[in-house]
Every structure is written in structure tokens, then in C-alpha cells.
């Protein structure tokens, strides 16, 4: 497996409101902007041109499949590698996002809720 380190601005400005709803999170309204700002914009690791770890989070409808397999398991944040990597290193894979500052607790919770609600991208 090949994992690439990417450089980016560790002081990425916080996009949008930190007040996410407790349920019914929308991929396009709530989750995709987080992935864009922290994972795929401005030279970030998971843009279509780079796809670190084989994962592209820039496309409008990402498959959430990388070199490690399916990284989002709908309805199971506890089994979703993407979610786990938001708060800790897993094996040799460092905590994400790399070089862009950690996500806020509110953003991590929103992603977890979205996964537990089925990870719908529609």
C-alpha cells in the first residue's frame, strides 16, 4: 500500500456553520463541503488528480472506495475507516486530514451521523 503525504494550509478557514442538525444531514449541504474544504480543495490529498490512498473525494458522487477498500460503511460509522481516521491514526495511516488541521468535533459528529443515517449521497 502506498500512502502519500500532502502539503496544504494547516490554517484552513472554517467553512460554514458549526451548527449541524442532529439528524437528516444532507451530503450536498453538510458533508460534501467538509470533504471539499479539508480533503480535496487547493492541492489537498484526495482530489481527483492526486487520489492519495486511491481515494477521490472531489467527485460529485464519490464511491468511498480507496486502496484500503470501502472506507464508508453505510449505517456503521464504527466500521467506517474514513470516520475512524478523523480522530486517530489507524495502523500506518495517519489521522486525517493531514496537514490541514483537525476537523472540529461538530464536523466529525456530523460525518458520523451522516454515515449512521445511511451515507446517502443523493
PDB file of N, CA and C in Angstrom:
ATOM      1  N   UNK A   1       0.819  -1.167   0.000  1.00  0.00           N
ATOM      2  CA  UNK A   1       0.000   0.000   0.000  1.00  0.00           C
ATOM      3  C   UNK A   1       0.870   1.239   0.000  1.00  0.00           C
ATOM      4  N   UNK A   2       0.471   2.257  -0.731  1.00  0.00           N
ATOM      5  CA  UNK A   2       1.221   3.492  -0.810  1.00  0.00           C
ATOM      6  C   UNK A   2       0.373   4.609  -0.240  1.00  0.00           C
ATOM      7  N   UNK A   3       0.917   5.337   0.718  1.00  0.00           N
ATOM      8  CA  UNK A   3       0.227   6.474   1.299  1.00  0.00           C
ATOM      9  C   UNK A   3       1.081   7.693   1.080  1.00  0.00           C
ATOM     10  N   UNK A   4       0.485   8.735   0.583  1.00  0.00           N
ATOM     11  CA  UNK A   4       1.214   9.947   0.267  1.00  0.00           C
ATOM     12  C   UNK A   4       0.918  11.022   1.286  1.00  0.00           C
ATOM     13  N   UNK A   5       1.915  11.800   1.585  1.00  0.00           N
ATOM     14  CA  UNK A   5       1.728  12.953   2.445  1.00  0.00           C
ATOM     15  C   UNK A   5       1.532  14.156   1.549  1.00  0.00           C
ATOM     16  N   UNK A   6       0.588  14.982   1.875  1.00  0.00           N
ATOM     17  CA  UNK A   6       0.307  16.160   1.072  1.00  0.00           C
ATOM     18  C   UNK A   6       0.525  17.399   1.912  1.00  0.00           C
ATOM     19  N   UNK A   7       0.953  18.431   1.237  1.00  0.00           N
ATOM     20  CA  UNK A   7       1.102  19.684   1.950  1.00  0.00           C
ATOM     21  C   UNK A   7      -0.102  20.540   1.648  1.00  0.00           C
ATOM     22  N   UNK A   8      -0.529  21.268   2.618  1.00  0.00           N
ATOM     23  CA  UNK A   8      -1.638  22.173   2.455  1.00  0.00           C
ATOM     24  C   UNK A   8      -1.569  23.206   3.545  1.00  0.00           C
ATOM     25  N   UNK A   9      -2.530  24.068   3.566  1.00  0.00           N
ATOM     26  CA  UNK A   9      -2.566  25.115   4.567  1.00  0.00           C
ATOM     27  C   UNK A   9      -3.121  24.552   5.861  1.00  0.00           C
ATOM     28  N   UNK A  10      -2.293  24.468   6.929  1.00  0.00           N
ATOM     29  CA  UNK A  10      -2.793  23.918   8.188  1.00  0.00           C
ATOM     30  C   UNK A  10      -3.795  24.839   8.862  1.00  0.00           C
ATOM     31  N   UNK A  11      -3.945  26.036   8.338  1.00  0.00           N
ATOM     32  CA  UNK A  11      -4.858  27.006   8.932  1.00  0.00           C
ATOM     33  C   UNK A  11      -6.059  27.245   8.031  1.00  0.00           C
ATOM     34  N   UNK A  12      -6.581  26.177   7.451  1.00  0.00           N
ATOM     35  CA  UNK A  12      -7.742  26.292   6.586  1.00  0.00           C
ATOM     36  C   UNK A  12      -8.852  26.985   7.354  1.00  0.00           C
ATOM     37  N   UNK A  13      -9.465  27.960   6.720  1.00  0.00           N
ATOM     38  CA  UNK A  13     -10.554  28.650   7.395  1.00  0.00           C
ATOM     39  C   UNK A  13     -11.750  27.726   7.491  1.00  0.00           C
ATOM     40  N   UNK A  14     -12.512  27.890   8.546  1.00  0.00           N
ATOM     41  CA  UNK A  14     -13.643  27.015   8.813  1.00  0.00           C
ATOM     42  C   UNK A  14     -14.794  27.356   7.873  1.00  0.00           C
ATOM     43  N   UNK A  15     -15.155  26.432   6.994  1.00  0.00           N
ATOM     44  CA  UNK A  15     -16.247  26.706   6.078  1.00  0.00           C
ATOM     45  C   UNK A  15     -17.599  26.514   6.747  1.00  0.00           C
ATOM     46  N   UNK A  16     -18.405  27.518   6.662  1.00  0.00           N
ATOM     47  CA  UNK A  16     -19.785  27.354   7.074  1.00  0.00           C
ATOM     48  C   UNK A  16     -20.036  27.300   8.563  1.00  0.00           C
ATOM     49  N   UNK A  17     -21.227  26.960   8.861  1.00  0.00           N
ATOM     50  CA  UNK A  17     -21.756  26.973  10.214  1.00  0.00           C
ATOM     51  C   UNK A  17     -21.406  25.683  10.949  1.00  0.00           C
ATOM     52  N   UNK A  18     -21.026  25.815  12.199  1.00  0.00           N
ATOM     53  CA  UNK A  18     -20.716  24.648  13.031  1.00  0.00           C
ATOM     54  C   UNK A  18     -21.974  24.025  13.623  1.00  0.00           C
ATOM     55  N   UNK A  19     -23.112  24.605  13.407  1.00  0.00           N
ATOM     56  CA  UNK A  19     -24.360  24.081  13.962  1.00  0.00           C
ATOM     57  C   UNK A  19     -25.038  23.167  12.948  1.00  0.00           C
ATOM     58  N   UNK A  20     -24.678  21.895  13.009  1.00  0.00           N
ATOM     59  CA  UNK A  20     -25.274  20.913  12.116  1.00  0.00           C
ATOM     60  C   UNK A  20     -26.534  20.358  12.769  1.00  0.00           C
ATOM     61  N   UNK A  21     -27.524  19.954  11.958  1.00  0.00           N
ATOM     62  CA  UNK A  21     -28.707  19.327  12.551  1.00  0.00           C
ATOM     63  C   UNK A  21     -28.336  17.993  13.199  1.00  0.00           C
ATOM     64  N   UNK A  22     -29.135  17.564  14.151  1.00  0.00           N
ATOM     65  CA  UNK A  22     -28.885  16.294  14.839  1.00  0.00           C
ATOM     66  C   UNK A  22     -29.209  15.083  13.970  1.00  0.00           C
ATOM     67  N   UNK A  23     -29.992  15.284  12.922  1.00  0.00           N
ATOM     68  CA  UNK A  23     -30.358  14.185  12.031  1.00  0.00           C
ATOM     69  C   UNK A  23     -30.669  14.749  10.651  1.00  0.00           C
ATOM     70  N   UNK A  24     -30.903  13.842   9.708  1.00  0.00           N
ATOM     71  CA  UNK A  24     -31.240  14.223   8.332  1.00  0.00           C
ATOM     72  C   UNK A  24     -30.186  15.117   7.693  1.00  0.00           C
ATOM     73  N   UNK A  25     -28.925  14.731   7.861  1.00  0.00           N
ATOM     74  CA  UNK A  25     -27.861  15.504   7.242  1.00  0.00           C
ATOM     75  C   UNK A  25     -27.831  15.245   5.743  1.00  0.00           C
ATOM     76  N   UNK A  26     -27.650  16.299   4.994  1.00  0.00           N
ATOM     77  CA  UNK A  26     -27.593  16.221   3.541  1.00  0.00           C
ATOM     78  C   UNK A  26     -26.136  16.139   3.090  1.00  0.00           C
ATOM     79  N   UNK A  27     -25.841  15.217   2.183  1.00  0.00           N
ATOM     80  CA  UNK A  27     -24.481  15.114   1.664  1.00  0.00           C
ATOM     81  C   UNK A  27     -24.072  16.424   0.998  1.00  0.00           C
ATOM     82  N   UNK A  28     -24.910  16.936   0.094  1.00  0.00           N
ATOM     83  CA  UNK A  28     -24.519  18.131  -0.662  1.00  0.00           C
ATOM     84  C   UNK A  28     -24.485  19.389   0.197  1.00  0.00           C
ATOM     85  N   UNK A  29     -25.348  19.496   1.173  1.00  0.00           N
ATOM     86  CA  UNK A  29     -25.405  20.697   2.009  1.00  0.00           C
ATOM     87  C   UNK A  29     -24.420  20.665   3.165  1.00  0.00           C
ATOM     88  N   UNK A  30     -24.288  19.535   3.831  1.00  0.00           N
ATOM     89  CA  UNK A  30     -23.492  19.467   5.060  1.00  0.00           C
ATOM     90  C   UNK A  30     -22.156  18.740   4.926  1.00  0.00           C
ATOM     91  N   UNK A  31     -22.126  17.612   4.262  1.00  0.00           N
ATOM     92  CA  UNK A  31     -20.948  16.735   4.274  1.00  0.00           C
ATOM     93  C   UNK A  31     -19.974  17.043   3.142  1.00  0.00           C
ATOM     94  N   UNK A  32     -20.466  17.166   1.929  1.00  0.00           N
ATOM     95  CA  UNK A  32     -19.585  17.427   0.791  1.00  0.00           C
ATOM     96  C   UNK A  32     -18.744  18.692   0.972  1.00  0.00           C
ATOM     97  N   UNK A  33     -19.295  19.790   1.516  1.00  0.00           N
ATOM     98  CA  UNK A  33     -18.442  20.970   1.735  1.00  0.00           C
ATOM     99  C   UNK A  33     -17.276  20.704   2.696  1.00  0.00           C
ATOM    100  N   UNK A  34     -17.475  19.838   3.677  1.00  0.00           N
ATOM    101  CA  UNK A  34     -16.376  19.480   4.591  1.00  0.00           C
ATOM    102  C   UNK A  34     -15.307  18.727   3.815  1.00  0.00           C
ATOM    103  N   UNK A  35     -15.715  17.723   3.046  1.00  0.00           N
ATOM    104  CA  UNK A  35     -14.753  16.961   2.251  1.00  0.00           C
ATOM    105  C   UNK A  35     -14.022  17.878   1.275  1.00  0.00           C
ATOM    106  N   UNK A  36     -14.745  18.794   0.655  1.00  0.00           N
ATOM    107  CA  UNK A  36     -14.116  19.700  -0.306  1.00  0.00           C
ATOM    108  C   UNK A  36     -13.071  20.576   0.380  1.00  0.00           C
ATOM    109  N   UNK A  37     -13.457  21.239   1.445  1.00  0.00           N
ATOM    110  CA  UNK A  37     -12.556  22.195   2.095  1.00  0.00           C
ATOM    111  C   UNK A  37     -11.363  21.547   2.774  1.00  0.00           C
ATOM    112  N   UNK A  38     -11.537  20.366   3.308  1.00  0.00           N
ATOM    113  CA  UNK A  38     -10.457  19.734   4.068  1.00  0.00           C
ATOM    114  C   UNK A  38      -9.746  18.605   3.323  1.00  0.00           C
ATOM    115  N   UNK A  39     -10.374  18.041   2.304  1.00  0.00           N
ATOM    116  CA  UNK A  39      -9.830  16.818   1.698  1.00  0.00           C
ATOM    117  C   UNK A  39      -9.491  16.923   0.215  1.00  0.00           C
ATOM    118  N   UNK A  40     -10.138  17.839  -0.517  1.00  0.00           N
ATOM    119  CA  UNK A  40      -9.919  17.827  -1.964  1.00  0.00           C
ATOM    120  C   UNK A  40      -9.628  19.181  -2.596  1.00  0.00           C
ATOM    121  N   UNK A  41      -9.775  20.281  -1.888  1.00  0.00           N
ATOM    122  CA  UNK A  41      -9.552  21.602  -2.487  1.00  0.00           C
ATOM    123  C   UNK A  41      -8.101  22.046  -2.372  1.00  0.00           C
ATOM    124  N   UNK A  42      -7.692  22.866  -3.310  1.00  0.00           N
ATOM    125  CA  UNK A  42      -6.393  23.546  -3.250  1.00  0.00           C
ATOM    126  C   UNK A  42      -5.217  22.619  -2.987  1.00  0.00           C
ATOM    127  N   UNK A  43      -5.094  21.589  -3.779  1.00  0.00           N
ATOM    128  CA  UNK A  43      -3.954  20.688  -3.656  1.00  0.00           C
ATOM    129  C   UNK A  43      -4.070  19.646  -2.564  1.00  0.00           C
ATOM    130  N   UNK A  44      -5.247  19.496  -2.000  1.00  0.00           N
ATOM    131  CA  UNK A  44      -5.419  18.503  -0.934  1.00  0.00           C
ATOM    132  C   UNK A  44      -5.274  17.086  -1.487  1.00  0.00           C
ATOM    133  N   UNK A  45      -5.058  16.162  -0.599  1.00  0.00           N
ATOM    134  CA  UNK A  45      -4.662  14.787  -0.944  1.00  0.00           C
ATOM    135  C   UNK A  45      -5.687  13.982  -1.733  1.00  0.00           C
ATOM    136  N   UNK A  46      -6.970  14.247  -1.542  1.00  0.00           N
ATOM    137  CA  UNK A  46      -7.985  13.379  -2.135  1.00  0.00           C
ATOM    138  C   UNK A  46      -8.747  14.044  -3.269  1.00  0.00           C
ATOM    139  N   UNK A  47      -8.077  14.954  -3.983  1.00  0.00           N
ATOM    140  CA  UNK A  47      -8.674  15.498  -5.199  1.00  0.00           C
ATOM    141  C   UNK A  47      -8.501  14.481  -6.323  1.00  0.00           C
ATOM    142  N   UNK A  48      -9.265  14.631  -7.373  1.00  0.00           N
ATOM    143  CA  UNK A  48      -9.258  13.669  -8.473  1.00  0.00           C
ATOM    144  C   UNK A  48      -7.862  13.472  -9.055  1.00  0.00           C
ATOM    145  N   UNK A  49      -7.074  14.530  -9.160  1.00  0.00           N
ATOM    146  CA  UNK A  49      -5.747  14.439  -9.780  1.00  0.00           C
ATOM    147  C   UNK A  49      -4.730  13.699  -8.915  1.00  0.00           C
ATOM    148  N   UNK A  50      -4.928  13.645  -7.605  1.00  0.00           N
ATOM    149  CA  UNK A  50      -3.943  13.036  -6.700  1.00  0.00           C
ATOM    150  C   UNK A  50      -4.425  11.691  -6.159  1.00  0.00           C
ATOM    151  N   UNK A  51      -5.602  11.639  -5.609  1.00  0.00           N
ATOM    152  CA  UNK A  51      -6.217  10.428  -5.055  1.00  0.00           C
ATOM    153  C   UNK A  51      -5.280   9.652  -4.127  1.00  0.00           C
ATOM    154  N   UNK A  52      -4.761  10.305  -3.113  1.00  0.00           N
ATOM    155  CA  UNK A  52      -3.908   9.621  -2.131  1.00  0.00           C
ATOM    156  C   UNK A  52      -4.653   8.416  -1.570  1.00  0.00           C
ATOM    157  N   UNK A  53      -3.954   7.312  -1.444  1.00  0.00           N
ATOM    158  CA  UNK A  53      -4.575   6.082  -0.966  1.00  0.00           C
ATOM    159  C   UNK A  53      -5.653   5.562  -1.894  1.00  0.00           C
ATOM    160  N   UNK A  54      -5.682   6.074  -3.138  1.00  0.00           N
ATOM    161  CA  UNK A  54      -6.683   5.652  -4.109  1.00  0.00           C
ATOM    162  C   UNK A  54      -8.057   6.246  -3.875  1.00  0.00           C
ATOM    163  N   UNK A  55      -8.159   7.248  -2.986  1.00  0.00           N
ATOM    164  CA  UNK A  55      -9.467   7.792  -2.601  1.00  0.00           C
ATOM    165  C   UNK A  55      -9.686   9.173  -3.210  1.00  0.00           C
ATOM    166  N   UNK A  56     -10.753   9.304  -3.985  1.00  0.00           N
ATOM    167  CA  UNK A  56     -11.143  10.562  -4.622  1.00  0.00           C
ATOM    168  C   UNK A  56     -12.378  11.101  -3.907  1.00  0.00           C
ATOM    169  N   UNK A  57     -12.220  12.221  -3.206  1.00  0.00           N
ATOM    170  CA  UNK A  57     -13.363  12.849  -2.527  1.00  0.00           C
ATOM    171  C   UNK A  57     -13.800  14.126  -3.231  1.00  0.00           C
ATOM    172  N   UNK A  58     -13.262  14.358  -4.429  1.00  0.00           N
ATOM    173  CA  UNK A  58     -13.600  15.570  -5.169  1.00  0.00           C
ATOM    174  C   UNK A  58     -14.824  15.380  -6.055  1.00  0.00           C
ATOM    175  N   UNK A  59     -15.060  14.181  -6.522  1.00  0.00           N
ATOM    176  CA  UNK A  59     -16.169  13.955  -7.446  1.00  0.00           C
ATOM    177  C   UNK A  59     -17.505  14.230  -6.760  1.00  0.00           C
ATOM    178  N   UNK A  60     -18.506  14.563  -7.567  1.00  0.00           N
ATOM    179  CA  UNK A  60     -19.820  14.886  -7.011  1.00  0.00           C
ATOM    180  C   UNK A  60     -20.457  13.700  -6.297  1.00  0.00           C
ATOM    181  N   UNK A  61     -20.191  12.494  -6.777  1.00  0.00           N
ATOM    182  CA  UNK A  61     -20.730  11.286  -6.150  1.00  0.00           C
ATOM    183  C   UNK A  61     -19.594  10.308  -5.882  1.00  0.00           C
ATOM    184  N   UNK A  62     -18.826  10.553  -4.826  1.00  0.00           N
ATOM    185  CA  UNK A  62     -17.691   9.668  -4.547  1.00  0.00           C
ATOM    186  C   UNK A  62     -18.153   8.255  -4.209  1.00  0.00           C
ATOM    187  N   UNK A  63     -17.308   7.276  -4.557  1.00  0.00           N
ATOM    188  CA  UNK A  63     -17.629   5.877  -4.277  1.00  0.00           C
ATOM    189  C   UNK A  63     -17.184   5.472  -2.877  1.00  0.00           C
ATOM    190  N   UNK A  64     -16.287   6.256  -2.284  1.00  0.00           N
ATOM    191  CA  UNK A  64     -15.728   5.956  -0.964  1.00  0.00           C
ATOM    192  C   UNK A  64     -15.001   4.619  -0.953  1.00  0.00           C
ATOM    193  N   UNK A  65     -14.355   4.316  -2.077  1.00  0.00           N
ATOM    194  CA  UNK A  65     -13.509   3.129  -2.176  1.00  0.00           C
ATOM    195  C   UNK A  65     -12.094   3.596  -2.481  1.00  0.00           C
ATOM    196  N   UNK A  66     -11.144   3.177  -1.655  1.00  0.00           N
ATOM    197  CA  UNK A  66      -9.743   3.506  -1.867  1.00  0.00           C
ATOM    198  C   UNK A  66      -8.915   2.243  -1.871  1.00  0.00           C
ATOM    199  N   UNK A  67      -7.615   2.403  -1.736  1.00  0.00           N
ATOM    200  CA  UNK A  67      -6.719   1.241  -1.715  1.00  0.00           C
ATOM    201  C   UNK A  67      -7.009   0.307  -0.546  1.00  0.00           C
ATOM    202  N   UNK A  68      -7.619   0.829   0.514  1.00  0.00           N
ATOM    203  CA  UNK A  68      -7.957   0.013   1.685  1.00  0.00           C
ATOM    204  C   UNK A  68      -9.355  -0.581   1.587  1.00  0.00           C
ATOM    205  N   UNK A  69      -9.996  -0.438   0.431  1.00  0.00           N
ATOM    206  CA  UNK A  69     -11.348  -0.949   0.248  1.00  0.00           C
ATOM    207  C   UNK A  69     -12.393   0.114   0.531  1.00  0.00           C
ATOM    208  N   UNK A  70     -13.578  -0.334   0.880  1.00  0.00           N
ATOM    209  CA  UNK A  70     -14.693   0.561   1.177  1.00  0.00           C
ATOM    210  C   UNK A  70     -14.392   1.297   2.478  1.00  0.00           C
ATOM    211  N   UNK A  71     -14.296   2.639   2.433  1.00  0.00           N
ATOM    212  CA  UNK A  71     -13.930   3.394   3.633  1.00  0.00           C
ATOM    213  C   UNK A  71     -15.133   3.983   4.363  1.00  0.00           C
ATOM    214  N   UNK A  72     -16.300   3.943   3.736  1.00  0.00           N
ATOM    215  CA  UNK A  72     -17.547   4.349   4.389  1.00  0.00           C
ATOM    216  C   UNK A  72     -18.505   3.168   4.296  1.00  0.00           C
ATOM    217  N   UNK A  73     -18.939   2.685   5.447  1.00  0.00           N
ATOM    218  CA  UNK A  73     -19.906   1.589   5.519  1.00  0.00           C
ATOM    219  C   UNK A  73     -21.235   2.199   5.970  1.00  0.00           C
ATOM    220  N   UNK A  74     -22.210   2.336   5.048  1.00  0.00           N
ATOM    221  CA  UNK A  74     -23.477   2.957   5.415  1.00  0.00           C
ATOM    222  C   UNK A  74     -24.081   2.329   6.676  1.00  0.00           C
ATOM    223  N   UNK A  75     -24.589   3.177   7.531  1.00  0.00           N
ATOM    224  CA  UNK A  75     -25.232   2.816   8.799  1.00  0.00           C
ATOM    225  C   UNK A  75     -24.257   2.309   9.856  1.00  0.00           C
ATOM    226  N   UNK A  76     -22.941   2.346   9.593  1.00  0.00           N
ATOM    227  CA  UNK A  76     -21.962   1.793  10.532  1.00  0.00           C
ATOM    228  C   UNK A  76     -20.714   2.677  10.616  1.00  0.00           C
ATOM    229  N   UNK A  77     -20.831   3.816  11.275  1.00  0.00           N
ATOM    230  CA  UNK A  77     -19.635   4.648  11.429  1.00  0.00           C
ATOM    231  C   UNK A  77     -18.553   3.893  12.193  1.00  0.00           C
ATOM    232  N   UNK A  78     -18.965   2.981  13.076  1.00  0.00           N
ATOM    233  CA  UNK A  78     -17.997   2.213  13.865  1.00  0.00           C
ATOM    234  C   UNK A  78     -17.155   1.280  13.006  1.00  0.00           C
ATOM    235  N   UNK A  79     -17.594   0.981  11.786  1.00  0.00           N
ATOM    236  CA  UNK A  79     -16.835   0.133  10.865  1.00  0.00           C
ATOM    237  C   UNK A  79     -16.248   0.918   9.692  1.00  0.00           C
ATOM    238  N   UNK A  80     -16.437   2.236   9.694  1.00  0.00           N
ATOM    239  CA  UNK A  80     -16.011   3.074   8.575  1.00  0.00           C
ATOM    240  C   UNK A  80     -14.627   3.655   8.823  1.00  0.00           C
ATOM    241  N   UNK A  81     -13.661   3.221   8.020  1.00  0.00           N
ATOM    242  CA  UNK A  81     -12.289   3.686   8.157  1.00  0.00           C
ATOM    243  C   UNK A  81     -12.195   5.198   8.018  1.00  0.00           C
ATOM    244  N   UNK A  82     -12.944   5.778   7.094  1.00  0.00           N
ATOM    245  CA  UNK A  82     -12.902   7.224   6.924  1.00  0.00           C
ATOM    246  C   UNK A  82     -13.239   7.927   8.237  1.00  0.00           C
ATOM    247  N   UNK A  83     -14.282   7.484   8.905  1.00  0.00           N
ATOM    248  CA  UNK A  83     -14.687   8.100  10.168  1.00  0.00           C
ATOM    249  C   UNK A  83     -13.624   7.905  11.245  1.00  0.00           C
ATOM    250  N   UNK A  84     -13.101   6.703  11.371  1.00  0.00           N
ATOM    251  CA  UNK A  84     -12.093   6.419  12.392  1.00  0.00           C
ATOM    252  C   UNK A  84     -10.847   7.282  12.202  1.00  0.00           C
ATOM    253  N   UNK A  85     -10.462   7.513  10.954  1.00  0.00           N
ATOM    254  CA  UNK A  85      -9.264   8.311  10.675  1.00  0.00           C
ATOM    255  C   UNK A  85      -9.443   9.788  10.993  1.00  0.00           C
ATOM    256  N   UNK A  86     -10.666  10.221  11.231  1.00  0.00           N
ATOM    257  CA  UNK A  86     -10.890  11.621  11.589  1.00  0.00           C
ATOM    258  C   UNK A  86     -10.455  11.925  13.012  1.00  0.00           C
ATOM    259  N   UNK A  87     -10.320  10.892  13.844  1.00  0.00           N
ATOM    260  CA  UNK A  87      -9.921  11.155  15.229  1.00  0.00           C
ATOM    261  C   UNK A  87      -8.710  10.366  15.697  1.00  0.00           C
ATOM    262  N   UNK A  88      -8.177   9.457  14.873  1.00  0.00           N
ATOM    263  CA  UNK A  88      -6.974   8.736  15.300  1.00  0.00           C
ATOM    264  C   UNK A  88      -6.263   8.086  14.121  1.00  0.00           C
ATOM    265  N   UNK A  89      -4.991   7.796  14.312  1.00  0.00           N
ATOM    266  CA  UNK A  89      -4.215   7.031  13.343  1.00  0.00           C
ATOM    267  C   UNK A  89      -4.698   5.590  13.375  1.00  0.00           C
ATOM    268  N   UNK A  90      -4.723   4.944  12.213  1.00  0.00           N
ATOM    269  CA  UNK A  90      -5.113   3.539  12.122  1.00  0.00           C
ATOM    270  C   UNK A  90      -3.974   2.802  11.424  1.00  0.00           C
ATOM    271  N   UNK A  91      -3.288   1.950  12.167  1.00  0.00           N
ATOM    272  CA  UNK A  91      -2.122   1.259  11.612  1.00  0.00           C
ATOM    273  C   UNK A  91      -1.083   2.273  11.171  1.00  0.00           C
ATOM    274  N   UNK A  92      -0.696   2.209   9.915  1.00  0.00           N
ATOM    275  CA  UNK A  92       0.285   3.162   9.386  1.00  0.00           C
ATOM    276  C   UNK A  92      -0.365   4.373   8.740  1.00  0.00           C
ATOM    277  N   UNK A  93      -1.687   4.412   8.707  1.00  0.00           N
ATOM    278  CA  UNK A  93      -2.393   5.539   8.096  1.00  0.00           C
ATOM    279  C   UNK A  93      -2.568   6.627   9.156  1.00  0.00           C
ATOM    280  N   UNK A  94      -2.031   7.825   8.919  1.00  0.00           N
ATOM    281  CA  UNK A  94      -2.131   8.885   9.920  1.00  0.00           C
ATOM    282  C   UNK A  94      -3.544   9.450  10.029  1.00  0.00           C
ATOM    283  N   UNK A  95      -3.784  10.117  11.154  1.00  0.00           N
ATOM    284  CA  UNK A  95      -5.061  10.801  11.352  1.00  0.00           C
ATOM    285  C   UNK A  95      -5.275  11.782  10.203  1.00  0.00           C
ATOM    286  N   UNK A  96      -6.506  11.921   9.793  1.00  0.00           N
ATOM    287  CA  UNK A  96      -6.869  12.817   8.698  1.00  0.00           C
ATOM    288  C   UNK A  96      -7.708  13.980   9.213  1.00  0.00           C
ATOM    289  N   UNK A  97      -7.719  15.076   8.503  1.00  0.00           N
ATOM    290  CA  UNK A  97      -6.918  15.355   7.327  1.00  0.00           C
ATOM    291  C   UNK A  97      -5.474  15.692   7.702  1.00  0.00           C
ATOM    292  N   UNK A  98      -4.567  15.275   6.854  1.00  0.00           N
ATOM    293  CA  UNK A  98      -3.158  15.564   7.070  1.00  0.00           C
ATOM    294  C   UNK A  98      -2.869  16.997   6.646  1.00  0.00           C
ATOM    295  N   UNK A  99      -2.065  17.679   7.402  1.00  0.00           N
ATOM    296  CA  UNK A  99      -1.553  18.999   7.036  1.00  0.00           C
ATOM    297  C   UNK A  99      -2.630  20.049   6.804  1.00  0.00           C
ATOM    298  N   UNK A 100      -3.821  19.834   7.286  1.00  0.00           N
ATOM    299  CA  UNK A 100      -4.887  20.817   7.107  1.00  0.00           C
ATOM    300  C   UNK A 100      -5.587  21.135   8.416  1.00  0.00           C
ATOM    301  N   UNK A 101      -5.078  20.653   9.507  1.00  0.00           N
ATOM    302  CA  UNK A 101      -5.728  20.879  10.788  1.00  0.00           C
ATOM    303  C   UNK A 101      -6.851  19.879  10.993  1.00  0.00           C
ATOM    304  N   UNK A 102      -7.082  19.512  12.222  1.00  0.00           N
ATOM    305  CA  UNK A 102      -8.132  18.538  12.540  1.00  0.00           C
ATOM    306  C   UNK A 102      -9.505  19.142  12.337  1.00  0.00           C
ATOM    307  N   UNK A 103     -10.448  18.296  12.021  1.00  0.00           N
ATOM    308  CA  UNK A 103     -11.833  18.747  11.946  1.00  0.00           C
ATOM    309  C   UNK A 103     -12.343  19.033  13.349  1.00  0.00           C
ATOM    310  N   UNK A 104     -13.281  19.942  13.443  1.00  0.00           N
ATOM    311  CA  UNK A 104     -13.913  20.228  14.727  1.00  0.00           C
ATOM    312  C   UNK A 104     -14.742  19.026  15.161  1.00  0.00           C
ATOM    313  N   UNK A 105     -15.019  18.953  16.448  1.00  0.00           N
ATOM    314  CA  UNK A 105     -15.880  17.883  16.965  1.00  0.00           C
ATOM    315  C   UNK A 105     -17.238  17.897  16.273  1.00  0.00           C
ATOM    316  N   UNK A 106     -17.754  19.103  15.978  1.00  0.00           N
ATOM    317  CA  UNK A 106     -19.060  19.211  15.325  1.00  0.00           C
ATOM    318  C   UNK A 106     -19.034  18.604  13.927  1.00  0.00           C
ATOM    319  N   UNK A 107     -17.964  18.824  13.190  1.00  0.00           N
ATOM    320  CA  UNK A 107     -17.854  18.258  11.842  1.00  0.00           C
ATOM    321  C   UNK A 107     -17.699  16.736  11.903  1.00  0.00           C
ATOM    322  N   UNK A 108     -16.885  16.248  12.827  1.00  0.00           N
ATOM    323  CA  UNK A 108     -16.717  14.798  12.973  1.00  0.00           C
ATOM    324  C   UNK A 108     -18.049  14.152  13.351  1.00  0.00           C
ATOM    325  N   UNK A 109     -18.771  14.772  14.269  1.00  0.00           N
ATOM    326  CA  UNK A 109     -20.081  14.242  14.670  1.00  0.00           C
ATOM    327  C   UNK A 109     -21.045  14.247  13.485  1.00  0.00           C
ATOM    328  N   UNK A 110     -21.031  15.314  12.691  1.00  0.00           N
ATOM    329  CA  UNK A 110     -21.919  15.394  11.528  1.00  0.00           C
ATOM    330  C   UNK A 110     -21.619  14.276  10.533  1.00  0.00           C
ATOM    331  N   UNK A 111     -20.340  14.030  10.265  1.00  0.00           N
ATOM    332  CA  UNK A 111     -19.969  12.953   9.345  1.00  0.00           C
ATOM    333  C   UNK A 111     -20.410  11.600   9.911  1.00  0.00           C
ATOM    334  N   UNK A 112     -20.213  11.392  11.209  1.00  0.00           N
ATOM    335  CA  UNK A 112     -20.650  10.147  11.847  1.00  0.00           C
ATOM    336  C   UNK A 112     -22.150   9.956  11.768  1.00  0.00           C
ATOM    337  N   UNK A 113     -22.896  11.018  12.002  1.00  0.00           N
ATOM    338  CA  UNK A 113     -24.356  10.941  11.919  1.00  0.00           C
ATOM    339  C   UNK A 113     -24.789  10.620  10.496  1.00  0.00           C
ATOM    340  N   UNK A 114     -24.175  11.302   9.522  1.00  0.00           N
ATOM    341  CA  UNK A 114     -24.492  11.051   8.114  1.00  0.00           C
ATOM    342  C   UNK A 114     -24.225   9.583   7.753  1.00  0.00           C
ATOM    343  N   UNK A 115     -23.107   9.035   8.205  1.00  0.00           N
ATOM    344  CA  UNK A 115     -22.806   7.619   7.933  1.00  0.00           C
ATOM    345  C   UNK A 115     -23.854   6.728   8.592  1.00  0.00           C
ATOM    346  N   UNK A 116     -24.160   6.983   9.870  1.00  0.00           N
ATOM    347  CA  UNK A 116     -25.140   6.159  10.591  1.00  0.00           C
ATOM    348  C   UNK A 116     -26.539   6.254   9.990  1.00  0.00           C
ATOM    349  N   UNK A 117     -26.819   7.345   9.287  1.00  0.00           N
ATOM    350  CA  UNK A 117     -28.117   7.504   8.623  1.00  0.00           C
ATOM    351  C   UNK A 117     -28.123   6.916   7.205  1.00  0.00           C
ATOM    352  N   UNK A 118     -27.065   6.226   6.835  1.00  0.00           N
ATOM    353  CA  UNK A 118     -27.050   5.541   5.547  1.00  0.00           C
ATOM    354  C   UNK A 118     -26.062   6.074   4.530  1.00  0.00           C
ATOM    355  N   UNK A 119     -25.361   7.170   4.849  1.00  0.00           N
ATOM    356  CA  UNK A 119     -24.347   7.746   3.954  1.00  0.00           C
ATOM    357  C   UNK A 119     -24.899   7.999   2.552  1.00  0.00           C
ATOM    358  N   UNK A 120     -26.102   8.519   2.493  1.00  0.00           N
ATOM    359  CA  UNK A 120     -26.749   8.799   1.215  1.00  0.00           C
ATOM    360  C   UNK A 120     -26.075   9.990   0.541  1.00  0.00           C
ATOM    361  N   UNK A 121     -25.702   9.849  -0.729  1.00  0.00           N
ATOM    362  CA  UNK A 121     -25.083  10.952  -1.463  1.00  0.00           C
ATOM    363  C   UNK A 121     -26.061  11.643  -2.398  1.00  0.00           C
ATOM    364  N   UNK A 122     -27.311  11.216  -2.403  1.00  0.00           N
ATOM    365  CA  UNK A 122     -28.318  11.824  -3.286  1.00  0.00           C
ATOM    366  C   UNK A 122     -28.805  13.139  -2.726  1.00  0.00           C
TER     367      UNK A 122
END
